[in-house]
Amino acid sequence: MSRKEKLQDFIDNIHYSPRYSDDFYEYRHVILPKPMLKLLPKQLFAEDGSTLRILAEEEWRAIGITQSLGWEHYEVHAPEPHVLLFRRALTPADASGRSK
């Protein structure tokens, strides 16, 4: 199986958590299959090479993560480097809907 085929298999197995929120942001975490990390380009990793760095939208989309517009990758959880944390700002309409 080629590297591209392996990557596609992993992309098909990316897990997206349910969304959760606070007063300012909506959050979700995306769990990559652990072996997928070995196929990702080295430039996506932090200097020490152990975790992904914060990825720009075009970078996380390029590795197969699919989400609606507005999400930002904001955190990496070092103990679980295959878990990427995302958030997007709540709009005033979202906030007013929550208070009802």
N, C-alpha and C. Protein backbone atom coordinates (compact mmCIF):
# COMPACT_ATOMS: atom_id res chain seq x y z
N MET A 1 0.86 -1.19 0.00
CA MET A 1 0.00 0.00 0.00
C MET A 1 0.90 1.24 0.00
N SER A 2 0.58 2.19 -0.85
CA SER A 2 1.39 3.40 -0.95
C SER A 2 1.15 4.31 0.25
N ARG A 3 2.06 5.24 0.43
CA ARG A 3 1.93 6.22 1.53
C ARG A 3 0.61 6.98 1.40
N LYS A 4 0.27 7.38 0.17
CA LYS A 4 -0.97 8.13 -0.06
C LYS A 4 -2.20 7.29 0.30
N GLU A 5 -2.18 6.01 -0.05
CA GLU A 5 -3.30 5.12 0.29
C GLU A 5 -3.41 4.93 1.80
N LYS A 6 -2.27 4.79 2.47
CA LYS A 6 -2.27 4.67 3.93
C LYS A 6 -2.85 5.91 4.57
N LEU A 7 -2.41 7.07 4.08
CA LEU A 7 -2.91 8.33 4.62
C LEU A 7 -4.42 8.43 4.42
N GLN A 8 -4.92 8.04 3.25
CA GLN A 8 -6.36 8.09 3.00
C GLN A 8 -7.12 7.19 3.96
N ASP A 9 -6.58 6.01 4.24
CA ASP A 9 -7.22 5.12 5.22
C ASP A 9 -7.30 5.79 6.59
N PHE A 10 -6.23 6.47 6.97
CA PHE A 10 -6.23 7.17 8.26
C PHE A 10 -7.24 8.31 8.26
N ILE A 11 -7.30 9.06 7.16
CA ILE A 11 -8.23 10.18 7.06
C ILE A 11 -9.66 9.69 7.27
N ASP A 12 -9.96 8.53 6.72
CA ASP A 12 -11.31 7.96 6.87
C ASP A 12 -11.61 7.58 8.32
N ASN A 13 -10.60 7.52 9.16
CA ASN A 13 -10.77 7.13 10.56
C ASN A 13 -10.49 8.26 11.56
N ILE A 14 -10.47 9.49 11.09
CA ILE A 14 -10.35 10.63 11.99
C ILE A 14 -11.65 10.75 12.78
N HIS A 15 -11.53 10.94 14.09
CA HIS A 15 -12.71 11.06 14.96
C HIS A 15 -12.92 12.52 15.36
N TYR A 16 -14.16 12.98 15.24
CA TYR A 16 -14.53 14.34 15.62
C TYR A 16 -15.44 14.27 16.84
N SER A 17 -15.04 14.95 17.91
CA SER A 17 -15.84 14.93 19.13
C SER A 17 -17.12 15.74 18.93
N PRO A 18 -18.10 15.52 19.80
CA PRO A 18 -19.23 16.45 19.84
C PRO A 18 -18.71 17.84 20.21
N ARG A 19 -19.46 18.84 19.84
CA ARG A 19 -19.09 20.22 20.18
C ARG A 19 -19.52 20.53 21.60
N TYR A 20 -18.77 21.38 22.25
CA TYR A 20 -19.11 21.87 23.58
C TYR A 20 -18.71 23.33 23.63
N SER A 21 -19.22 24.09 24.58
CA SER A 21 -18.97 25.53 24.55
C SER A 21 -18.94 26.14 25.95
N ASP A 22 -18.38 27.35 25.98
CA ASP A 22 -18.46 28.20 27.16
C ASP A 22 -19.13 29.49 26.69
N ASP A 23 -18.94 30.59 27.40
CA ASP A 23 -19.60 31.84 27.02
C ASP A 23 -18.98 32.50 25.80
N PHE A 24 -17.81 32.06 25.39
CA PHE A 24 -17.09 32.75 24.32
C PHE A 24 -16.80 31.89 23.09
N TYR A 25 -16.59 30.61 23.30
CA TYR A 25 -16.16 29.74 22.20
C TYR A 25 -16.96 28.44 22.16
N GLU A 26 -17.01 27.89 20.99
CA GLU A 26 -17.46 26.53 20.77
C GLU A 26 -16.19 25.71 20.57
N TYR A 27 -16.14 24.52 21.13
CA TYR A 27 -14.92 23.70 21.09
C TYR A 27 -15.23 22.32 20.53
N ARG A 28 -14.19 21.69 20.04
CA ARG A 28 -14.25 20.27 19.71
C ARG A 28 -12.82 19.78 19.63
N HIS A 29 -12.65 18.51 19.82
CA HIS A 29 -11.33 17.94 19.62
C HIS A 29 -11.41 16.93 18.48
N VAL A 30 -10.30 16.84 17.78
CA VAL A 30 -10.19 15.94 16.64
C VAL A 30 -9.10 14.94 16.98
N ILE A 31 -9.43 13.67 16.87
CA ILE A 31 -8.49 12.62 17.23
C ILE A 31 -8.01 11.93 15.96
N LEU A 32 -6.72 12.09 15.69
CA LEU A 32 -6.11 11.43 14.54
C LEU A 32 -5.73 10.00 14.93
N PRO A 33 -5.82 9.06 14.00
CA PRO A 33 -5.27 7.73 14.31
C PRO A 33 -3.78 7.88 14.65
N LYS A 34 -3.34 7.28 15.73
CA LYS A 34 -1.95 7.45 16.18
C LYS A 34 -0.92 7.18 15.09
N PRO A 35 -1.05 6.10 14.30
CA PRO A 35 -0.03 5.85 13.27
C PRO A 35 0.01 6.92 12.17
N MET A 36 -1.05 7.71 12.06
CA MET A 36 -1.10 8.76 11.05
C MET A 36 0.00 9.80 11.26
N LEU A 37 0.36 10.04 12.52
CA LEU A 37 1.38 11.05 12.83
C LEU A 37 2.70 10.76 12.11
N LYS A 38 3.02 9.48 11.95
CA LYS A 38 4.28 9.10 11.31
C LYS A 38 4.31 9.44 9.82
N LEU A 39 3.14 9.64 9.22
CA LEU A 39 3.07 9.95 7.79
C LEU A 39 2.99 11.45 7.51
N LEU A 40 2.85 12.26 8.54
CA LEU A 40 2.71 13.70 8.34
C LEU A 40 4.07 14.35 8.10
N PRO A 41 4.09 15.42 7.31
CA PRO A 41 5.35 16.12 7.04
C PRO A 41 6.00 16.65 8.32
N LYS A 42 7.30 16.56 8.39
CA LYS A 42 8.06 16.98 9.58
C LYS A 42 7.85 18.46 9.90
N GLN A 43 7.61 19.29 8.89
CA GLN A 43 7.45 20.73 9.15
C GLN A 43 6.17 21.06 9.92
N LEU A 44 5.29 20.08 10.10
CA LEU A 44 4.08 20.31 10.89
C LEU A 44 4.30 20.09 12.38
N PHE A 45 5.49 19.63 12.74
CA PHE A 45 5.78 19.31 14.13
C PHE A 45 6.56 20.43 14.81
N ALA A 46 6.42 20.49 16.13
CA ALA A 46 7.19 21.44 16.94
C ALA A 46 8.67 21.10 16.80
N GLU A 47 9.51 22.02 17.23
CA GLU A 47 10.96 21.84 17.10
C GLU A 47 11.47 20.54 17.70
N ASP A 48 10.89 20.12 18.82
CA ASP A 48 11.37 18.88 19.45
C ASP A 48 10.86 17.63 18.72
N GLY A 49 9.94 17.80 17.78
CA GLY A 49 9.46 16.69 16.97
C GLY A 49 8.46 15.77 17.64
N SER A 50 8.11 16.04 18.89
CA SER A 50 7.23 15.11 19.61
C SER A 50 5.74 15.41 19.44
N THR A 51 5.40 16.66 19.15
CA THR A 51 4.00 17.04 18.99
C THR A 51 3.84 17.91 17.75
N LEU A 52 2.63 17.94 17.26
CA LEU A 52 2.33 18.88 16.19
C LEU A 52 2.39 20.29 16.76
N ARG A 53 2.79 21.23 15.94
CA ARG A 53 2.71 22.63 16.34
C ARG A 53 1.28 23.10 16.04
N ILE A 54 0.96 24.33 16.40
CA ILE A 54 -0.36 24.87 16.06
C ILE A 54 -0.41 25.01 14.54
N LEU A 55 -1.43 24.44 13.95
CA LEU A 55 -1.54 24.41 12.49
C LEU A 55 -2.48 25.49 11.98
N ALA A 56 -2.10 26.10 10.87
CA ALA A 56 -2.98 27.04 10.18
C ALA A 56 -4.10 26.24 9.51
N GLU A 57 -5.19 26.91 9.20
CA GLU A 57 -6.33 26.20 8.61
C GLU A 57 -5.95 25.42 7.36
N GLU A 58 -5.17 26.01 6.47
CA GLU A 58 -4.81 25.29 5.25
C GLU A 58 -3.96 24.05 5.54
N GLU A 59 -3.20 24.07 6.64
CA GLU A 59 -2.39 22.91 7.01
C GLU A 59 -3.25 21.77 7.56
N TRP A 60 -4.17 22.08 8.47
CA TRP A 60 -4.98 20.99 9.02
C TRP A 60 -5.96 20.46 7.99
N ARG A 61 -6.43 21.31 7.09
CA ARG A 61 -7.28 20.80 6.00
C ARG A 61 -6.48 19.90 5.06
N ALA A 62 -5.22 20.25 4.82
CA ALA A 62 -4.36 19.47 3.91
C ALA A 62 -4.08 18.07 4.43
N ILE A 63 -4.16 17.86 5.74
CA ILE A 63 -3.92 16.51 6.27
C ILE A 63 -5.22 15.72 6.42
N GLY A 64 -6.33 16.30 5.97
CA GLY A 64 -7.58 15.55 5.92
C GLY A 64 -8.62 15.89 6.95
N ILE A 65 -8.37 16.88 7.78
CA ILE A 65 -9.38 17.30 8.76
C ILE A 65 -10.40 18.16 8.05
N THR A 66 -11.67 17.82 8.21
CA THR A 66 -12.74 18.58 7.56
C THR A 66 -13.70 19.11 8.61
N GLN A 67 -13.86 20.43 8.60
CA GLN A 67 -14.79 21.11 9.50
C GLN A 67 -15.34 22.31 8.76
N SER A 68 -16.44 22.84 9.25
CA SER A 68 -16.99 24.05 8.67
C SER A 68 -16.06 25.23 8.93
N LEU A 69 -16.34 26.34 8.31
CA LEU A 69 -15.48 27.52 8.43
C LEU A 69 -15.48 28.09 9.85
N GLY A 70 -14.39 28.73 10.20
CA GLY A 70 -14.30 29.44 11.47
C GLY A 70 -13.54 28.73 12.57
N TRP A 71 -13.20 27.46 12.39
CA TRP A 71 -12.48 26.72 13.42
C TRP A 71 -11.01 27.05 13.38
N GLU A 72 -10.40 27.15 14.57
CA GLU A 72 -8.95 27.35 14.66
C GLU A 72 -8.34 26.30 15.56
N HIS A 73 -7.19 25.81 15.16
CA HIS A 73 -6.43 24.87 15.98
C HIS A 73 -5.72 25.73 17.01
N TYR A 74 -6.03 25.54 18.29
CA TYR A 74 -5.49 26.44 19.31
C TYR A 74 -4.63 25.77 20.36
N GLU A 75 -4.59 24.44 20.39
CA GLU A 75 -3.86 23.78 21.47
C GLU A 75 -3.44 22.38 21.04
N VAL A 76 -2.30 21.97 21.58
CA VAL A 76 -1.82 20.61 21.42
C VAL A 76 -1.67 20.02 22.81
N HIS A 77 -2.17 18.83 22.99
CA HIS A 77 -2.10 18.16 24.29
C HIS A 77 -0.93 17.18 24.24
N ALA A 78 0.21 17.58 24.79
CA ALA A 78 1.45 16.81 24.67
C ALA A 78 1.32 15.34 25.07
N PRO A 79 0.61 15.00 26.16
CA PRO A 79 0.51 13.57 26.50
C PRO A 79 -0.20 12.74 25.41
N GLU A 80 -1.03 13.39 24.61
CA GLU A 80 -1.74 12.71 23.53
C GLU A 80 -1.58 13.53 22.25
N PRO A 81 -0.42 13.44 21.60
CA PRO A 81 -0.13 14.32 20.45
C PRO A 81 -1.03 14.11 19.25
N HIS A 82 -1.80 13.04 19.24
CA HIS A 82 -2.73 12.79 18.14
C HIS A 82 -4.09 13.47 18.36
N VAL A 83 -4.25 14.16 19.49
CA VAL A 83 -5.48 14.88 19.80
C VAL A 83 -5.26 16.37 19.55
N LEU A 84 -6.01 16.93 18.62
CA LEU A 84 -5.90 18.34 18.28
C LEU A 84 -7.13 19.06 18.82
N LEU A 85 -6.93 20.19 19.48
CA LEU A 85 -8.03 20.94 20.08
C LEU A 85 -8.35 22.14 19.20
N PHE A 86 -9.64 22.30 18.90
CA PHE A 86 -10.11 23.36 18.03
C PHE A 86 -11.15 24.20 18.75
N ARG A 87 -11.28 25.45 18.32
CA ARG A 87 -12.32 26.33 18.85
C ARG A 87 -12.74 27.30 17.76
N ARG A 88 -13.91 27.87 17.95
CA ARG A 88 -14.35 28.99 17.12
C ARG A 88 -15.21 29.90 17.98
N ALA A 89 -15.09 31.18 17.71
CA ALA A 89 -15.81 32.17 18.50
C ALA A 89 -17.31 32.03 18.29
N LEU A 90 -18.04 32.17 19.38
CA LEU A 90 -19.50 32.19 19.28
C LEU A 90 -19.92 33.55 18.73
N THR A 91 -20.92 33.54 17.89
CA THR A 91 -21.46 34.80 17.37
C THR A 91 -22.47 35.34 18.39
N PRO A 92 -22.83 36.62 18.28
CA PRO A 92 -23.86 37.14 19.19
C PRO A 92 -25.16 36.33 19.13
N ALA A 93 -25.51 35.83 17.96
CA ALA A 93 -26.73 35.01 17.83
C ALA A 93 -26.57 33.71 18.60
N ASP A 94 -25.38 33.11 18.54
CA ASP A 94 -25.13 31.88 19.31
C ASP A 94 -25.28 32.16 20.80
N ALA A 95 -24.69 33.25 21.26
CA ALA A 95 -24.71 33.60 22.68
C ALA A 95 -26.14 33.87 23.15
N SER A 96 -26.93 34.59 22.35
CA SER A 96 -28.30 34.90 22.77
C SER A 96 -29.16 33.64 22.78
N GLY A 97 -28.89 32.72 21.89
CA GLY A 97 -29.63 31.46 21.86
C GLY A 97 -29.34 30.60 23.07
N ARG A 98 -28.16 30.74 23.63
CA ARG A 98 -27.77 29.95 24.81
C ARG A 98 -28.47 30.44 26.06
N SER A 99 -28.81 31.73 26.12
CA SER A 99 -29.38 32.28 27.35
C SER A 99 -30.88 32.03 27.46
N LYS A 100 -31.49 31.54 26.42
CA LYS A 100 -32.94 31.30 26.45
C LYS A 100 -33.28 29.99 27.07
